[in-house]
């Protein structure tokens, strides 16, 4: 068989197509290339985004917003001292960007002016915290990215 320009071009095309197909199959089969979305229902979440903006604006009108600190017991979230903590309702959502299985949501039920998230529920690293809370019919939102 004689190797000429035509044969070289055909072999180059076959090599290129094989190279591309290898990467397509690898990206679809290998779990280390599996990247989940932040939310399964991201279209529905997008429609609720204006509500979040309004809640953030309400939180900015407070004299003091939520604060947090890391203690030996865990993560302590302090609510403003100007509000009666018995009237606070809502929910807390902690999102772990690197591991979906560590995400959790809990309802806010306060017996103190703070909320304690036990240390055993949190692993070291980056967390996105979202506290959606209501006080006397007005909704507030606190969002923060923290390193625990």
Protein backbone atom coordinates (compact mmCIF):
# COMPACT_ATOMS: atom_id res chain seq x y z
CA UNK A 1 0.00 0.00 0.00
CA UNK A 2 1.28 3.36 -0.99
CA UNK A 3 1.01 6.24 1.51
CA UNK A 4 -0.05 9.46 -0.23
CA UNK A 5 -1.74 12.77 0.72
CA UNK A 6 -5.23 11.34 0.46
CA UNK A 7 -4.43 8.44 2.78
CA UNK A 8 -2.82 10.85 5.29
CA UNK A 9 -5.87 13.11 5.34
CA UNK A 10 -8.24 10.16 5.86
CA UNK A 11 -6.05 8.81 8.70
CA UNK A 12 -5.93 12.30 10.29
CA UNK A 13 -9.75 12.53 10.19
CA UNK A 14 -10.12 9.04 11.67
CA UNK A 15 -7.61 9.91 14.42
CA UNK A 16 -9.37 13.19 15.22
CA UNK A 17 -12.83 11.57 15.35
CA UNK A 18 -11.47 8.78 17.58
CA UNK A 19 -9.90 11.36 19.90
CA UNK A 20 -13.18 13.31 20.23
CA UNK A 21 -15.25 10.15 20.75
CA UNK A 22 -12.86 9.01 23.50
CA UNK A 23 -13.44 12.24 25.44
CA UNK A 24 -17.21 12.18 24.91
CA UNK A 25 -17.44 8.62 26.25
CA UNK A 26 -15.08 9.39 29.15
CA UNK A 27 -17.07 12.48 30.22
CA UNK A 28 -20.36 10.55 30.16
CA UNK A 29 -19.17 7.41 31.95
CA UNK A 30 -16.59 8.54 34.53
CA UNK A 31 -18.09 9.70 37.87
CA UNK A 32 -15.30 12.15 38.61
CA UNK A 33 -16.62 14.34 35.77
CA UNK A 34 -20.17 14.28 37.17
CA UNK A 35 -21.15 17.86 38.10
CA UNK A 36 -24.59 18.28 39.64
CA UNK A 37 -26.58 21.45 39.37
CA UNK A 38 -26.94 23.64 42.45
CA UNK A 39 -30.65 22.92 42.42
CA UNK A 40 -32.70 20.27 40.69
CA UNK A 41 -35.54 22.76 40.08
CA UNK A 42 -33.48 25.73 38.98
CA UNK A 43 -36.25 27.16 36.77
CA UNK A 44 -38.69 27.29 39.69
CA UNK A 45 -35.95 28.76 41.89
CA UNK A 46 -35.35 31.49 39.33
CA UNK A 47 -39.01 32.52 39.51
CA UNK A 48 -38.70 32.87 43.30
CA UNK A 49 -35.57 35.02 43.06
CA UNK A 50 -37.47 38.35 43.20
CA UNK A 51 -38.98 37.25 46.52
CA UNK A 52 -35.45 36.64 47.80
CA UNK A 53 -34.39 40.13 46.68
CA UNK A 54 -37.33 41.65 48.59
CA UNK A 55 -36.44 39.64 51.71
CA UNK A 56 -32.80 40.76 51.49
CA UNK A 57 -33.94 44.39 51.24
CA UNK A 58 -36.13 43.88 54.33
CA UNK A 59 -33.11 42.46 56.18
CA UNK A 60 -31.05 45.53 55.23
CA UNK A 61 -33.61 47.77 56.93
CA UNK A 62 -33.01 46.08 60.30
CA UNK A 63 -30.82 47.86 62.84
CA UNK A 64 -28.75 44.68 63.22
CA UNK A 65 -28.88 41.67 60.93
CA UNK A 66 -28.12 38.07 61.80
CA UNK A 67 -24.61 37.19 62.86
CA UNK A 68 -22.83 33.89 63.39
CA UNK A 69 -19.83 32.51 65.21
CA UNK A 70 -18.03 29.19 65.42
CA UNK A 71 -17.88 27.73 68.92
CA UNK A 72 -16.83 24.41 70.42
CA UNK A 73 -20.48 23.25 70.35
CA UNK A 74 -20.98 24.18 66.69
CA UNK A 75 -22.17 27.13 64.63
CA UNK A 76 -24.21 29.68 66.58
CA UNK A 77 -26.51 32.01 64.63
CA UNK A 78 -27.51 35.10 66.60
CA UNK A 79 -30.77 36.86 65.79
CA UNK A 80 -31.15 40.63 66.27
CA UNK A 81 -31.67 41.70 69.88
CA UNK A 82 -34.36 44.20 68.81
CA UNK A 83 -36.82 41.42 67.90
CA UNK A 84 -38.65 39.02 70.20
CA UNK A 85 -37.11 35.63 69.41
CA UNK A 86 -40.32 33.80 70.42
CA UNK A 87 -42.10 35.28 67.38
CA UNK A 88 -39.46 34.22 64.86
CA UNK A 89 -40.31 31.42 62.44
CA UNK A 90 -38.69 30.17 59.28
CA UNK A 91 -36.12 27.72 58.07
CA UNK A 92 -32.38 27.34 57.82
CA UNK A 93 -30.70 25.73 54.81
CA UNK A 94 -27.02 24.78 54.73
CA UNK A 95 -25.64 23.91 51.32
CA UNK A 96 -22.30 22.20 50.84
CA UNK A 97 -21.04 22.98 47.28
CA UNK A 98 -18.65 20.03 47.20
CA UNK A 99 -21.02 17.32 48.46
CA UNK A 100 -24.78 17.24 47.93
CA UNK A 101 -25.26 14.53 50.58
CA UNK A 102 -24.17 16.92 53.35
CA UNK A 103 -26.87 19.53 52.59
CA UNK A 104 -29.60 19.89 55.16
CA UNK A 105 -32.58 22.04 56.03
CA UNK A 106 -34.11 22.63 59.44
CA UNK A 107 -37.03 24.63 60.80
CA UNK A 108 -36.31 27.54 63.12
CA UNK A 109 -37.78 27.05 66.57
CA UNK A 110 -36.11 29.28 69.14
CA UNK A 111 -36.03 29.09 72.92
CA UNK A 112 -33.03 31.46 73.03
CA UNK A 113 -32.07 34.48 70.90
CA UNK A 114 -29.70 32.21 68.97
CA UNK A 115 -29.80 28.99 66.98
CA UNK A 116 -27.15 26.32 67.49
CA UNK A 117 -26.16 23.96 64.70
CA UNK A 118 -24.27 21.08 66.34
CA UNK A 119 -20.65 20.54 65.39
CA UNK A 120 -21.32 16.90 64.45
CA UNK A 121 -23.58 18.00 61.56
CA UNK A 122 -20.92 20.22 59.99
CA UNK A 123 -17.64 19.16 58.43
CA UNK A 124 -14.77 21.54 57.87
CA UNK A 125 -14.82 23.50 54.64
CA UNK A 126 -17.04 25.87 52.71
CA UNK A 127 -20.77 26.12 53.40
CA UNK A 128 -23.44 28.39 51.97
CA UNK A 129 -25.90 29.33 54.68
CA UNK A 130 -29.39 30.64 53.95
CA UNK A 131 -31.73 31.69 56.76
CA UNK A 132 -35.25 32.49 55.55
CA UNK A 133 -37.10 33.87 58.57
CA UNK A 134 -40.29 35.73 59.38
CA UNK A 135 -41.09 38.12 62.19
CA UNK A 136 -44.57 39.60 62.67
CA UNK A 137 -45.64 38.85 59.10
CA UNK A 138 -42.53 40.32 57.46
CA UNK A 139 -40.02 38.07 55.72
CA UNK A 140 -36.25 38.40 55.94
CA UNK A 141 -33.36 36.55 54.33
CA UNK A 142 -29.75 36.09 55.37
CA UNK A 143 -27.32 34.55 52.88
CA UNK A 144 -23.65 34.04 53.52
CA UNK A 145 -20.79 31.85 52.38
CA UNK A 146 -18.79 30.63 55.36
CA UNK A 147 -15.73 28.51 56.02
CA UNK A 148 -16.32 26.22 58.96
